[in-house]
Amino acid sequence: MKSSQSPSEPAATAKPAPSCAFPNCKVPPTKTCSRCKETQYCSKEHQTDHWRWRKKICVAPQKKILAPVPPAPPAPPAPLKGSVHEEEEYEDNCVICLVNVPDAK
């Protein structure tokens, strides 16, 4: 028997058949969650029993897209006068006593 696929073509990877989202159930699903439109179940009973845990994480598709963006962090405070962090004004100062050191160039 000849294969319709040539030896140089890679074999197509088959996706595993979907199964019910209820733990340890391998029955093909026939129902889809009406909220998220993603989770699938084989029966109304499995969907109802699983809902106690799923309801905390189940999100409608439009709510996933419109998730709020966290606010930007506040700007850091301005350095205090005389602080070591005010480098531009005190870049020629001694790092120990903050006395102005003449430019040695």
C-alpha atoms as a PDB file:
ATOM      1  CA  MET A   1       0.000   0.000   0.000  1.00  0.00           C
ATOM      2  CA  LYS A   2       1.207   3.451  -0.871  1.00  0.00           C
ATOM      3  CA  SER A   3       0.952   6.386   1.505  1.00  0.00           C
ATOM      4  CA  SER A   4      -0.432   9.636   0.135  1.00  0.00           C
ATOM      5  CA  GLN A   5       2.301  11.455   2.026  1.00  0.00           C
ATOM      6  CA  SER A   6       5.771  11.691   0.527  1.00  0.00           C
ATOM      7  CA  PRO A   7       8.727  10.681   2.726  1.00  0.00           C
ATOM      8  CA  SER A   8      10.038  14.261   2.788  1.00  0.00           C
ATOM      9  CA  GLU A   9       6.809  15.697   4.249  1.00  0.00           C
ATOM     10  CA  PRO A  10       6.538  15.734   8.050  1.00  0.00           C
ATOM     11  CA  ALA A  11       3.652  13.798   9.553  1.00  0.00           C
ATOM     12  CA  ALA A  12       0.755  15.994  10.629  1.00  0.00           C
ATOM     13  CA  THR A  13       0.421  16.145  14.385  1.00  0.00           C
ATOM     14  CA  ALA A  14      -3.111  15.327  15.421  1.00  0.00           C
ATOM     15  CA  LYS A  15      -4.656  17.296  18.269  1.00  0.00           C
ATOM     16  CA  PRO A  16      -5.968  15.130  21.063  1.00  0.00           C
ATOM     17  CA  ALA A  17      -9.741  14.862  21.088  1.00  0.00           C
ATOM     18  CA  PRO A  18     -11.291  17.238  23.624  1.00  0.00           C
ATOM     19  CA  SER A  19     -12.683  15.688  26.774  1.00  0.00           C
ATOM     20  CA  CYS A  20     -15.044  16.832  29.503  1.00  0.00           C
ATOM     21  CA  ALA A  21     -13.515  19.378  31.936  1.00  0.00           C
ATOM     22  CA  PHE A  22     -14.917  17.487  34.922  1.00  0.00           C
ATOM     23  CA  PRO A  23     -12.005  15.770  36.746  1.00  0.00           C
ATOM     24  CA  ASN A  24     -11.238  12.237  35.510  1.00  0.00           C
ATOM     25  CA  CYS A  25     -13.977  12.294  32.862  1.00  0.00           C
ATOM     26  CA  LYS A  26     -12.839  11.239  29.381  1.00  0.00           C
ATOM     27  CA  VAL A  27     -16.232  11.492  27.658  1.00  0.00           C
ATOM     28  CA  PRO A  28     -16.320  13.803  24.612  1.00  0.00           C
ATOM     29  CA  PRO A  29     -17.968  17.138  25.479  1.00  0.00           C
ATOM     30  CA  THR A  30     -21.353  18.182  24.150  1.00  0.00           C
ATOM     31  CA  LYS A  31     -21.936  21.316  26.253  1.00  0.00           C
ATOM     32  CA  THR A  32     -19.928  24.546  26.538  1.00  0.00           C
ATOM     33  CA  CYS A  33     -19.828  26.940  29.487  1.00  0.00           C
ATOM     34  CA  SER A  34     -22.215  29.792  28.745  1.00  0.00           C
ATOM     35  CA  ARG A  35     -19.992  32.333  30.539  1.00  0.00           C
ATOM     36  CA  CYS A  36     -16.462  31.752  29.209  1.00  0.00           C
ATOM     37  CA  LYS A  37     -17.435  29.883  26.018  1.00  0.00           C
ATOM     38  CA  GLU A  38     -14.277  27.754  26.427  1.00  0.00           C
ATOM     39  CA  THR A  39     -14.743  25.064  29.072  1.00  0.00           C
ATOM     40  CA  GLN A  40     -16.579  22.021  27.783  1.00  0.00           C
ATOM     41  CA  TYR A  41     -18.571  19.304  29.555  1.00  0.00           C
ATOM     42  CA  CYS A  42     -20.177  16.007  28.597  1.00  0.00           C
ATOM     43  CA  SER A  43     -23.337  16.684  30.606  1.00  0.00           C
ATOM     44  CA  LYS A  44     -25.246  19.338  32.517  1.00  0.00           C
ATOM     45  CA  GLU A  45     -24.580  17.356  35.717  1.00  0.00           C
ATOM     46  CA  HIS A  46     -20.796  17.578  35.311  1.00  0.00           C
ATOM     47  CA  GLN A  47     -21.018  21.286  34.492  1.00  0.00           C
ATOM     48  CA  THR A  48     -23.162  21.939  37.592  1.00  0.00           C
ATOM     49  CA  ASP A  49     -20.940  19.855  39.887  1.00  0.00           C
ATOM     50  CA  HIS A  50     -17.757  21.517  38.580  1.00  0.00           C
ATOM     51  CA  TRP A  51     -19.161  25.052  38.902  1.00  0.00           C
ATOM     52  CA  ARG A  52     -18.397  25.260  42.637  1.00  0.00           C
ATOM     53  CA  TRP A  53     -14.669  25.455  41.752  1.00  0.00           C
ATOM     54  CA  ARG A  54     -14.862  27.019  38.283  1.00  0.00           C
ATOM     55  CA  LYS A  55     -16.940  30.086  39.226  1.00  0.00           C
ATOM     56  CA  LYS A  56     -13.934  31.745  40.890  1.00  0.00           C
ATOM     57  CA  ILE A  57     -11.866  31.676  37.694  1.00  0.00           C
ATOM     58  CA  CYS A  58     -14.473  31.619  34.921  1.00  0.00           C
ATOM     59  CA  VAL A  59     -14.517  34.947  33.053  1.00  0.00           C
ATOM     60  CA  ALA A  60     -16.659  36.106  30.155  1.00  0.00           C
ATOM     61  CA  PRO A  61     -14.647  36.789  26.944  1.00  0.00           C
ATOM     62  CA  GLN A  62     -15.370  40.550  26.883  1.00  0.00           C
ATOM     63  CA  LYS A  63     -14.161  40.892  30.496  1.00  0.00           C
ATOM     64  CA  LYS A  64     -10.860  39.229  29.564  1.00  0.00           C
ATOM     65  CA  ILE A  65     -10.260  41.853  26.885  1.00  0.00           C
ATOM     66  CA  LEU A  66     -11.321  44.797  29.038  1.00  0.00           C
ATOM     67  CA  ALA A  67      -9.226  43.896  32.064  1.00  0.00           C
ATOM     68  CA  PRO A  68      -8.150  47.082  33.853  1.00  0.00           C
ATOM     69  CA  VAL A  69      -4.602  48.248  33.340  1.00  0.00           C
ATOM     70  CA  PRO A  70      -2.801  48.812  36.644  1.00  0.00           C
ATOM     71  CA  PRO A  71      -1.917  52.462  37.296  1.00  0.00           C
ATOM     72  CA  ALA A  72       1.634  53.612  36.703  1.00  0.00           C
ATOM     73  CA  PRO A  73       3.786  53.766  39.834  1.00  0.00           C
ATOM     74  CA  PRO A  74       4.198  57.249  41.305  1.00  0.00           C
ATOM     75  CA  ALA A  75       7.257  59.259  40.325  1.00  0.00           C
ATOM     76  CA  PRO A  76      10.139  59.028  42.809  1.00  0.00           C
ATOM     77  CA  PRO A  77      10.392  61.986  45.187  1.00  0.00           C
ATOM     78  CA  ALA A  78      12.866  64.757  44.403  1.00  0.00           C
ATOM     79  CA  PRO A  79      16.211  64.381  46.218  1.00  0.00           C
ATOM     80  CA  LEU A  80      16.582  66.348  49.425  1.00  0.00           C
ATOM     81  CA  LYS A  81      18.978  69.288  49.508  1.00  0.00           C
ATOM     82  CA  GLY A  82      22.358  68.128  50.676  1.00  0.00           C
ATOM     83  CA  SER A  83      21.625  64.439  50.168  1.00  0.00           C
ATOM     84  CA  VAL A  84      24.159  62.130  48.565  1.00  0.00           C
ATOM     85  CA  HIS A  85      21.561  61.363  45.855  1.00  0.00           C
ATOM     86  CA  GLU A  86      21.622  64.896  44.504  1.00  0.00           C
ATOM     87  CA  GLU A  87      24.579  63.995  42.301  1.00  0.00           C
ATOM     88  CA  GLU A  88      24.543  66.805  39.762  1.00  0.00           C
ATOM     89  CA  GLU A  89      25.013  69.564  42.324  1.00  0.00           C
ATOM     90  CA  TYR A  90      27.422  67.609  44.505  1.00  0.00           C
ATOM     91  CA  GLU A  91      29.315  65.487  41.989  1.00  0.00           C
ATOM     92  CA  ASP A  92      32.633  67.096  43.008  1.00  0.00           C
ATOM     93  CA  ASN A  93      32.084  66.530  46.745  1.00  0.00           C
ATOM     94  CA  CYS A  94      33.901  64.048  48.924  1.00  0.00           C
ATOM     95  CA  VAL A  95      31.698  60.986  49.352  1.00  0.00           C
ATOM     96  CA  ILE A  96      32.548  60.815  53.060  1.00  0.00           C
ATOM     97  CA  CYS A  97      32.278  64.395  54.335  1.00  0.00           C
ATOM     98  CA  LEU A  98      30.496  66.089  51.370  1.00  0.00           C
ATOM     99  CA  VAL A  99      33.124  68.870  51.231  1.00  0.00           C
ATOM    100  CA  ASN A 100      33.686  70.283  47.755  1.00  0.00           C
ATOM    101  CA  VAL A 101      36.846  68.822  46.219  1.00  0.00           C
ATOM    102  CA  PRO A 102      38.502  71.019  43.547  1.00  0.00           C
ATOM    103  CA  ASP A 103      38.662  69.517  40.088  1.00  0.00           C
ATOM    104  CA  ALA A 104      42.007  67.750  39.719  1.00  0.00           C
ATOM    105  CA  LYS A 105      41.984  67.830  35.929  1.00  0.00           C
END
